[in-house]
Amino acid sequence: MALGKLEYRNLINDLVALIEKTKTQVVSHANSSLTVLFWYIGKRILTHDLQNKRAEYGKKLSLRCHESW
């Protein structure tokens, strides 16, 4: 069955919309996954390397922020 010009254009528009929607979902999922990954990396560093203590640069940054107010 041959598609008319309007039907063909509608099909193309629907396919483009599906692709764009999927691209948006992929980007959103990737961003969420990276956020979780970096959170776990930070938690691992905090518990393993720092033994649940604040790093020295964190103390200096907190002090510097406090002094600027």
PDB file of N, CA and C in Angstrom:
ATOM      1  N   MET A   1       0.846  -1.170   0.000  1.00  0.00           N
ATOM      2  CA  MET A   1       0.000   0.000   0.000  1.00  0.00           C
ATOM      3  C   MET A   1       0.895   1.238   0.000  1.00  0.00           C
ATOM      4  N   ALA A   2       0.699   2.083  -0.956  1.00  0.00           N
ATOM      5  CA  ALA A   2       1.494   3.295  -1.078  1.00  0.00           C
ATOM      6  C   ALA A   2       0.929   4.391  -0.178  1.00  0.00           C
ATOM      7  N   LEU A   3       1.831   5.160   0.394  1.00  0.00           N
ATOM      8  CA  LEU A   3       1.422   6.278   1.242  1.00  0.00           C
ATOM      9  C   LEU A   3       1.320   7.540   0.401  1.00  0.00           C
ATOM     10  N   GLY A   4       0.306   8.327   0.711  1.00  0.00           N
ATOM     11  CA  GLY A   4       0.211   9.624   0.070  1.00  0.00           C
ATOM     12  C   GLY A   4       1.230  10.573   0.690  1.00  0.00           C
ATOM     13  N   LYS A   5       1.402  11.727   0.074  1.00  0.00           N
ATOM     14  CA  LYS A   5       2.383  12.701   0.558  1.00  0.00           C
ATOM     15  C   LYS A   5       2.109  13.114   2.004  1.00  0.00           C
ATOM     16  N   LEU A   6       0.863  13.380   2.336  1.00  0.00           N
ATOM     17  CA  LEU A   6       0.507  13.807   3.693  1.00  0.00           C
ATOM     18  C   LEU A   6       0.725  12.677   4.691  1.00  0.00           C
ATOM     19  N   GLU A   7       0.339  11.461   4.320  1.00  0.00           N
ATOM     20  CA  GLU A   7       0.533  10.316   5.210  1.00  0.00           C
ATOM     21  C   GLU A   7       2.021  10.052   5.444  1.00  0.00           C
ATOM     22  N   TYR A   8       2.814  10.181   4.389  1.00  0.00           N
ATOM     23  CA  TYR A   8       4.257   9.991   4.507  1.00  0.00           C
ATOM     24  C   TYR A   8       4.858  11.045   5.434  1.00  0.00           C
ATOM     25  N   ARG A   9       4.448  12.291   5.272  1.00  0.00           N
ATOM     26  CA  ARG A   9       4.942  13.377   6.126  1.00  0.00           C
ATOM     27  C   ARG A   9       4.552  13.140   7.582  1.00  0.00           C
ATOM     28  N   ASN A  10       3.311  12.687   7.806  1.00  0.00           N
ATOM     29  CA  ASN A  10       2.871  12.387   9.176  1.00  0.00           C
ATOM     30  C   ASN A  10       3.686  11.248   9.785  1.00  0.00           C
ATOM     31  N   LEU A  11       3.977  10.233   8.971  1.00  0.00           N
ATOM     32  CA  LEU A  11       4.793   9.114   9.454  1.00  0.00           C
ATOM     33  C   LEU A  11       6.181   9.602   9.845  1.00  0.00           C
ATOM     34  N   ILE A  12       6.797  10.402   9.009  1.00  0.00           N
ATOM     35  CA  ILE A  12       8.129  10.937   9.311  1.00  0.00           C
ATOM     36  C   ILE A  12       8.094  11.780  10.580  1.00  0.00           C
ATOM     37  N   ASN A  13       7.097  12.643  10.714  1.00  0.00           N
ATOM     38  CA  ASN A  13       6.972  13.477  11.912  1.00  0.00           C
ATOM     39  C   ASN A  13       6.806  12.628  13.171  1.00  0.00           C
ATOM     40  N   ASP A  14       6.016  11.556  13.089  1.00  0.00           N
ATOM     41  CA  ASP A  14       5.839  10.662  14.239  1.00  0.00           C
ATOM     42  C   ASP A  14       7.148   9.974  14.610  1.00  0.00           C
ATOM     43  N   LEU A  15       7.880   9.524  13.596  1.00  0.00           N
ATOM     44  CA  LEU A  15       9.161   8.860  13.860  1.00  0.00           C
ATOM     45  C   LEU A  15      10.171   9.820  14.472  1.00  0.00           C
ATOM     46  N   VAL A  16      10.229  11.033  13.961  1.00  0.00           N
ATOM     47  CA  VAL A  16      11.138  12.036  14.521  1.00  0.00           C
ATOM     48  C   VAL A  16      10.762  12.329  15.972  1.00  0.00           C
ATOM     49  N   ALA A  17       9.478  12.448  16.266  1.00  0.00           N
ATOM     50  CA  ALA A  17       9.031  12.703  17.636  1.00  0.00           C
ATOM     51  C   ALA A  17       9.431  11.555  18.562  1.00  0.00           C
ATOM     52  N   LEU A  18       9.295  10.319  18.103  1.00  0.00           N
ATOM     53  CA  LEU A  18       9.704   9.164  18.911  1.00  0.00           C
ATOM     54  C   LEU A  18      11.196   9.181  19.195  1.00  0.00           C
ATOM     55  N   ILE A  19      11.973   9.495  18.172  1.00  0.00           N
ATOM     56  CA  ILE A  19      13.428   9.546  18.344  1.00  0.00           C
ATOM     57  C   ILE A  19      13.813  10.644  19.324  1.00  0.00           C
ATOM     58  N   GLU A  20      13.232  11.817  19.201  1.00  0.00           N
ATOM     59  CA  GLU A  20      13.553  12.929  20.099  1.00  0.00           C
ATOM     60  C   GLU A  20      13.148  12.617  21.536  1.00  0.00           C
ATOM     61  N   LYS A  21      11.982  12.001  21.714  1.00  0.00           N
ATOM     62  CA  LYS A  21      11.532  11.629  23.058  1.00  0.00           C
ATOM     63  C   LYS A  21      12.504  10.634  23.691  1.00  0.00           C
ATOM     64  N   THR A  22      12.933   9.657  22.899  1.00  0.00           N
ATOM     65  CA  THR A  22      13.865   8.650  23.401  1.00  0.00           C
ATOM     66  C   THR A  22      15.214   9.263  23.728  1.00  0.00           C
ATOM     67  N   LYS A  23      15.696  10.178  22.895  1.00  0.00           N
ATOM     68  CA  LYS A  23      16.966  10.853  23.183  1.00  0.00           C
ATOM     69  C   LYS A  23      16.888  11.598  24.512  1.00  0.00           C
ATOM     70  N   THR A  24      15.767  12.276  24.751  1.00  0.00           N
ATOM     71  CA  THR A  24      15.588  13.002  26.011  1.00  0.00           C
ATOM     72  C   THR A  24      15.596  12.041  27.190  1.00  0.00           C
ATOM     73  N   GLN A  25      14.932  10.904  27.047  1.00  0.00           N
ATOM     74  CA  GLN A  25      14.897   9.909  28.123  1.00  0.00           C
ATOM     75  C   GLN A  25      16.282   9.332  28.390  1.00  0.00           C
ATOM     76  N   VAL A  26      17.045   9.098  27.334  1.00  0.00           N
ATOM     77  CA  VAL A  26      18.399   8.547  27.487  1.00  0.00           C
ATOM     78  C   VAL A  26      19.290   9.539  28.239  1.00  0.00           C
ATOM     79  N   VAL A  27      19.220  10.811  27.863  1.00  0.00           N
ATOM     80  CA  VAL A  27      20.024  11.838  28.537  1.00  0.00           C
ATOM     81  C   VAL A  27      19.634  11.929  30.007  1.00  0.00           C
ATOM     82  N   SER A  28      18.346  11.922  30.286  1.00  0.00           N
ATOM     83  CA  SER A  28      17.877  12.005  31.669  1.00  0.00           C
ATOM     84  C   SER A  28      18.351  10.803  32.485  1.00  0.00           C
ATOM     85  N   HIS A  29      18.250   9.626  31.908  1.00  0.00           N
ATOM     86  CA  HIS A  29      18.689   8.414  32.610  1.00  0.00           C
ATOM     87  C   HIS A  29      20.203   8.430  32.842  1.00  0.00           C
ATOM     88  N   ALA A  30      20.943   8.875  31.833  1.00  0.00           N
ATOM     89  CA  ALA A  30      22.401   8.939  31.979  1.00  0.00           C
ATOM     90  C   ALA A  30      22.784   9.920  33.083  1.00  0.00           C
ATOM     91  N   ASN A  31      22.134  11.077  33.127  1.00  0.00           N
ATOM     92  CA  ASN A  31      22.425  12.063  34.170  1.00  0.00           C
ATOM     93  C   ASN A  31      22.099  11.507  35.552  1.00  0.00           C
ATOM     94  N   SER A  32      20.975  10.831  35.673  1.00  0.00           N
ATOM     95  CA  SER A  32      20.608  10.225  36.956  1.00  0.00           C
ATOM     96  C   SER A  32      21.627   9.175  37.375  1.00  0.00           C
ATOM     97  N   SER A  33      22.030   8.359  36.432  1.00  0.00           N
ATOM     98  CA  SER A  33      23.011   7.311  36.735  1.00  0.00           C
ATOM     99  C   SER A  33      24.348   7.900  37.165  1.00  0.00           C
ATOM    100  N   LEU A  34      24.779   8.960  36.497  1.00  0.00           N
ATOM    101  CA  LEU A  34      26.043   9.600  36.876  1.00  0.00           C
ATOM    102  C   LEU A  34      25.952  10.226  38.261  1.00  0.00           C
ATOM    103  N   THR A  35      24.818  10.828  38.582  1.00  0.00           N
ATOM    104  CA  THR A  35      24.634  11.411  39.909  1.00  0.00           C
ATOM    105  C   THR A  35      24.771  10.342  40.987  1.00  0.00           C
ATOM    106  N   VAL A  36      24.120   9.208  40.782  1.00  0.00           N
ATOM    107  CA  VAL A  36      24.205   8.106  41.749  1.00  0.00           C
ATOM    108  C   VAL A  36      25.632   7.583  41.822  1.00  0.00           C
ATOM    109  N   LEU A  37      26.282   7.427  40.682  1.00  0.00           N
ATOM    110  CA  LEU A  37      27.670   6.954  40.660  1.00  0.00           C
ATOM    111  C   LEU A  37      28.578   7.865  41.469  1.00  0.00           C
ATOM    112  N   PHE A  38      28.491   9.179  41.236  1.00  0.00           N
ATOM    113  CA  PHE A  38      29.361  10.116  41.944  1.00  0.00           C
ATOM    114  C   PHE A  38      29.042  10.147  43.435  1.00  0.00           C
ATOM    115  N   TRP A  39      27.775   9.964  43.800  1.00  0.00           N
ATOM    116  CA  TRP A  39      27.418   9.908  45.211  1.00  0.00           C
ATOM    117  C   TRP A  39      28.098   8.707  45.867  1.00  0.00           C
ATOM    118  N   TYR A  40      28.036   7.542  45.202  1.00  0.00           N
ATOM    119  CA  TYR A  40      28.676   6.351  45.756  1.00  0.00           C
ATOM    120  C   TYR A  40      30.194   6.491  45.803  1.00  0.00           C
ATOM    121  N   ILE A  41      30.777   7.132  44.827  1.00  0.00           N
ATOM    122  CA  ILE A  41      32.223   7.380  44.854  1.00  0.00           C
ATOM    123  C   ILE A  41      32.575   8.242  46.056  1.00  0.00           C
ATOM    124  N   GLY A  42      31.825   9.320  46.255  1.00  0.00           N
ATOM    125  CA  GLY A  42      32.067  10.192  47.404  1.00  0.00           C
ATOM    126  C   GLY A  42      31.889   9.462  48.720  1.00  0.00           C
ATOM    127  N   LYS A  43      30.850   8.641  48.798  1.00  0.00           N
ATOM    128  CA  LYS A  43      30.613   7.873  50.028  1.00  0.00           C
ATOM    129  C   LYS A  43      31.762   6.905  50.281  1.00  0.00           C
ATOM    130  N   ARG A  44      32.239   6.274  49.225  1.00  0.00           N
ATOM    131  CA  ARG A  44      33.346   5.314  49.371  1.00  0.00           C
ATOM    132  C   ARG A  44      34.605   6.017  49.853  1.00  0.00           C
ATOM    133  N   ILE A  45      34.894   7.187  49.294  1.00  0.00           N
ATOM    134  CA  ILE A  45      36.067   7.952  49.718  1.00  0.00           C
ATOM    135  C   ILE A  45      35.919   8.363  51.176  1.00  0.00           C
ATOM    136  N   LEU A  46      34.725   8.823  51.528  1.00  0.00           N
ATOM    137  CA  LEU A  46      34.489   9.270  52.898  1.00  0.00           C
ATOM    138  C   LEU A  46      34.658   8.135  53.891  1.00  0.00           C
ATOM    139  N   THR A  47      34.082   6.986  53.605  1.00  0.00           N
ATOM    140  CA  THR A  47      34.125   5.887  54.575  1.00  0.00           C
ATOM    141  C   THR A  47      35.447   5.122  54.560  1.00  0.00           C
ATOM    142  N   HIS A  48      36.055   4.987  53.394  1.00  0.00           N
ATOM    143  CA  HIS A  48      37.273   4.180  53.313  1.00  0.00           C
ATOM    144  C   HIS A  48      38.525   5.014  53.569  1.00  0.00           C
ATOM    145  N   ASP A  49      38.729   6.047  52.781  1.00  0.00           N
ATOM    146  CA  ASP A  49      39.958   6.829  52.863  1.00  0.00           C
ATOM    147  C   ASP A  49      39.945   7.818  54.025  1.00  0.00           C
ATOM    148  N   LEU A  50      38.817   8.456  54.251  1.00  0.00           N
ATOM    149  CA  LEU A  50      38.766   9.492  55.287  1.00  0.00           C
ATOM    150  C   LEU A  50      38.248   8.962  56.613  1.00  0.00           C
ATOM    151  N   GLN A  51      37.821   7.729  56.651  1.00  0.00           N
ATOM    152  CA  GLN A  51      37.287   7.098  57.858  1.00  0.00           C
ATOM    153  C   GLN A  51      36.206   7.964  58.493  1.00  0.00           C
ATOM    154  N   ASN A  52      35.281   8.429  57.643  1.00  0.00           N
ATOM    155  CA  ASN A  52      34.131   9.249  58.036  1.00  0.00           C
ATOM    156  C   ASN A  52      34.514  10.593  58.640  1.00  0.00           C
ATOM    157  N   LYS A  53      35.716  11.083  58.378  1.00  0.00           N
ATOM    158  CA  LYS A  53      36.130  12.402  58.837  1.00  0.00           C
ATOM    159  C   LYS A  53      36.135  13.350  57.655  1.00  0.00           C
ATOM    160  N   ARG A  54      36.020  14.619  57.932  1.00  0.00           N
ATOM    161  CA  ARG A  54      36.042  15.627  56.874  1.00  0.00           C
ATOM    162  C   ARG A  54      37.479  15.836  56.401  1.00  0.00           C
ATOM    163  N   ALA A  55      37.627  15.987  55.095  1.00  0.00           N
ATOM    164  CA  ALA A  55      38.943  16.260  54.539  1.00  0.00           C
ATOM    165  C   ALA A  55      39.403  17.652  54.958  1.00  0.00           C
ATOM    166  N   GLU A  56      40.702  17.854  55.023  1.00  0.00           N
ATOM    167  CA  GLU A  56      41.260  19.144  55.437  1.00  0.00           C
ATOM    168  C   GLU A  56      40.789  20.280  54.540  1.00  0.00           C
ATOM    169  N   TYR A  57      40.710  20.043  53.225  1.00  0.00           N
ATOM    170  CA  TYR A  57      40.276  21.124  52.337  1.00  0.00           C
ATOM    171  C   TYR A  57      38.832  21.519  52.631  1.00  0.00           C
ATOM    172  N   GLY A  58      38.033  20.586  53.140  1.00  0.00           N
ATOM    173  CA  GLY A  58      36.652  20.903  53.507  1.00  0.00           C
ATOM    174  C   GLY A  58      36.598  21.840  54.701  1.00  0.00           C
ATOM    175  N   LYS A  59      37.481  21.640  55.655  1.00  0.00           N
ATOM    176  CA  LYS A  59      37.538  22.522  56.822  1.00  0.00           C
ATOM    177  C   LYS A  59      37.939  23.927  56.401  1.00  0.00           C
ATOM    178  N   LYS A  60      38.928  24.029  55.535  1.00  0.00           N
ATOM    179  CA  LYS A  60      39.386  25.340  55.078  1.00  0.00           C
ATOM    180  C   LYS A  60      38.304  26.044  54.272  1.00  0.00           C
ATOM    181  N   LEU A  61      37.604  25.301  53.452  1.00  0.00           N
ATOM    182  CA  LEU A  61      36.540  25.891  52.651  1.00  0.00           C
ATOM    183  C   LEU A  61      35.414  26.393  53.538  1.00  0.00           C
ATOM    184  N   SER A  62      35.044  25.604  54.552  1.00  0.00           N
ATOM    185  CA  SER A  62      33.996  26.033  55.479  1.00  0.00           C
ATOM    186  C   SER A  62      34.410  27.299  56.217  1.00  0.00           C
ATOM    187  N   LEU A  63      35.652  27.340  56.672  1.00  0.00           N
ATOM    188  CA  LEU A  63      36.147  28.505  57.390  1.00  0.00           C
ATOM    189  C   LEU A  63      36.163  29.724  56.484  1.00  0.00           C
ATOM    190  N   ARG A  64      36.619  29.560  55.249  1.00  0.00           N
ATOM    191  CA  ARG A  64      36.677  30.656  54.293  1.00  0.00           C
ATOM    192  C   ARG A  64      35.271  31.189  53.980  1.00  0.00           C
ATOM    193  N   CYS A  65      34.313  30.297  53.825  1.00  0.00           N
ATOM    194  CA  CYS A  65      32.927  30.723  53.581  1.00  0.00           C
ATOM    195  C   CYS A  65      32.381  31.474  54.775  1.00  0.00           C
ATOM    196  N   HIS A  66      32.669  30.987  55.957  1.00  0.00           N
ATOM    197  CA  HIS A  66      32.180  31.633  57.178  1.00  0.00           C
ATOM    198  C   HIS A  66      32.791  33.035  57.298  1.00  0.00           C
ATOM    199  N   GLU A  67      34.073  33.160  57.026  1.00  0.00           N
ATOM    200  CA  GLU A  67      34.750  34.455  57.157  1.00  0.00           C
ATOM    201  C   GLU A  67      34.252  35.466  56.133  1.00  0.00           C
ATOM    202  N   SER A  68      33.796  35.012  54.996  1.00  0.00           N
ATOM    203  CA  SER A  68      33.352  35.958  53.962  1.00  0.00           C
ATOM    204  C   SER A  68      31.992  36.547  54.289  1.00  0.00           C
ATOM    205  N   TRP A  69      31.270  35.994  55.235  1.00  0.00           N
ATOM    206  CA  TRP A  69      29.964  36.539  55.611  1.00  0.00           C
ATOM    207  C   TRP A  69      30.196  37.613  56.604  1.00  0.00           C
TER     208      TRP A  69
END
